[in-house]
Amino acid sequence: MAYIISDSCLKCGACADTCPVGAIAEGEDKYIIDADVCISCGACAGTCPVEAIEEA
């Protein structure tokens, strides 16, 4: 199951730097995760300073 980023995202980019498959990109208001690319490893969730990333 892919992960999602909530509206509490600070747009710090920590998650995008951690993603091993490049599934995270900067959106207009927050970072977004491409569910078709996400391998559900959870690496991004562990790096988010505000815990804005969770399983979908």
Protein backbone atom coordinates (compact mmCIF):
# COMPACT_ATOMS: atom_id res chain seq x y z
CA MET A 1 0.00 0.00 0.00
CA ALA A 2 1.40 3.37 -1.00
CA TYR A 3 2.01 6.21 1.42
CA ILE A 4 0.37 9.66 1.36
CA ILE A 5 1.49 13.05 2.61
CA SER A 6 -0.97 15.09 4.67
CA ASP A 7 -1.55 18.83 4.62
CA SER A 8 0.78 19.23 7.62
CA CYS A 9 3.74 18.85 5.21
CA LEU A 10 6.30 21.64 5.66
CA LYS A 11 7.82 21.14 2.18
CA CYS A 12 11.25 20.55 3.71
CA GLY A 13 12.16 17.89 1.13
CA ALA A 14 13.55 15.35 3.60
CA CYS A 15 11.18 12.67 2.32
CA ALA A 16 12.07 13.20 -1.34
CA ASP A 17 15.77 12.91 -0.56
CA THR A 18 15.14 9.59 1.23
CA CYS A 19 12.88 7.86 -1.31
CA PRO A 20 14.88 5.06 -3.00
CA VAL A 21 12.68 5.01 -6.11
CA GLY A 22 12.07 8.74 -6.63
CA ALA A 23 8.32 8.52 -6.01
CA ILE A 24 8.13 11.86 -4.19
CA ALA A 25 7.95 15.21 -5.95
CA GLU A 26 7.29 18.77 -4.85
CA GLY A 27 3.69 19.79 -5.36
CA GLU A 28 2.13 23.23 -5.19
CA ASP A 29 1.27 23.16 -1.46
CA LYS A 30 3.07 20.03 -0.27
CA TYR A 31 5.15 17.13 -1.50
CA ILE A 32 3.23 14.34 -3.24
CA ILE A 33 3.86 10.62 -3.58
CA ASP A 34 3.23 8.86 -6.90
CA ALA A 35 1.33 5.74 -5.79
CA ASP A 36 2.27 3.93 -9.01
CA VAL A 37 5.98 4.31 -8.22
CA CYS A 38 5.91 3.98 -4.42
CA ILE A 39 7.17 0.60 -3.18
CA SER A 40 5.71 1.08 0.33
CA CYS A 41 9.09 0.82 2.04
CA GLY A 42 8.26 3.53 4.62
CA ALA A 43 11.65 5.23 4.41
CA CYS A 44 9.99 8.60 3.84
CA ALA A 45 7.73 8.31 6.89
CA GLY A 46 10.73 7.86 9.16
CA THR A 47 12.38 11.06 7.97
CA CYS A 48 9.40 13.44 8.15
CA PRO A 49 9.93 15.88 11.04
CA VAL A 50 6.18 16.52 11.46
CA GLU A 51 4.95 12.95 10.84
CA ALA A 52 2.96 14.07 7.79
CA ILE A 53 3.44 10.75 5.95
CA GLU A 54 1.24 7.74 6.56
CA GLU A 55 0.00 4.62 4.80
CA ALA A 56 -2.89 5.26 2.44
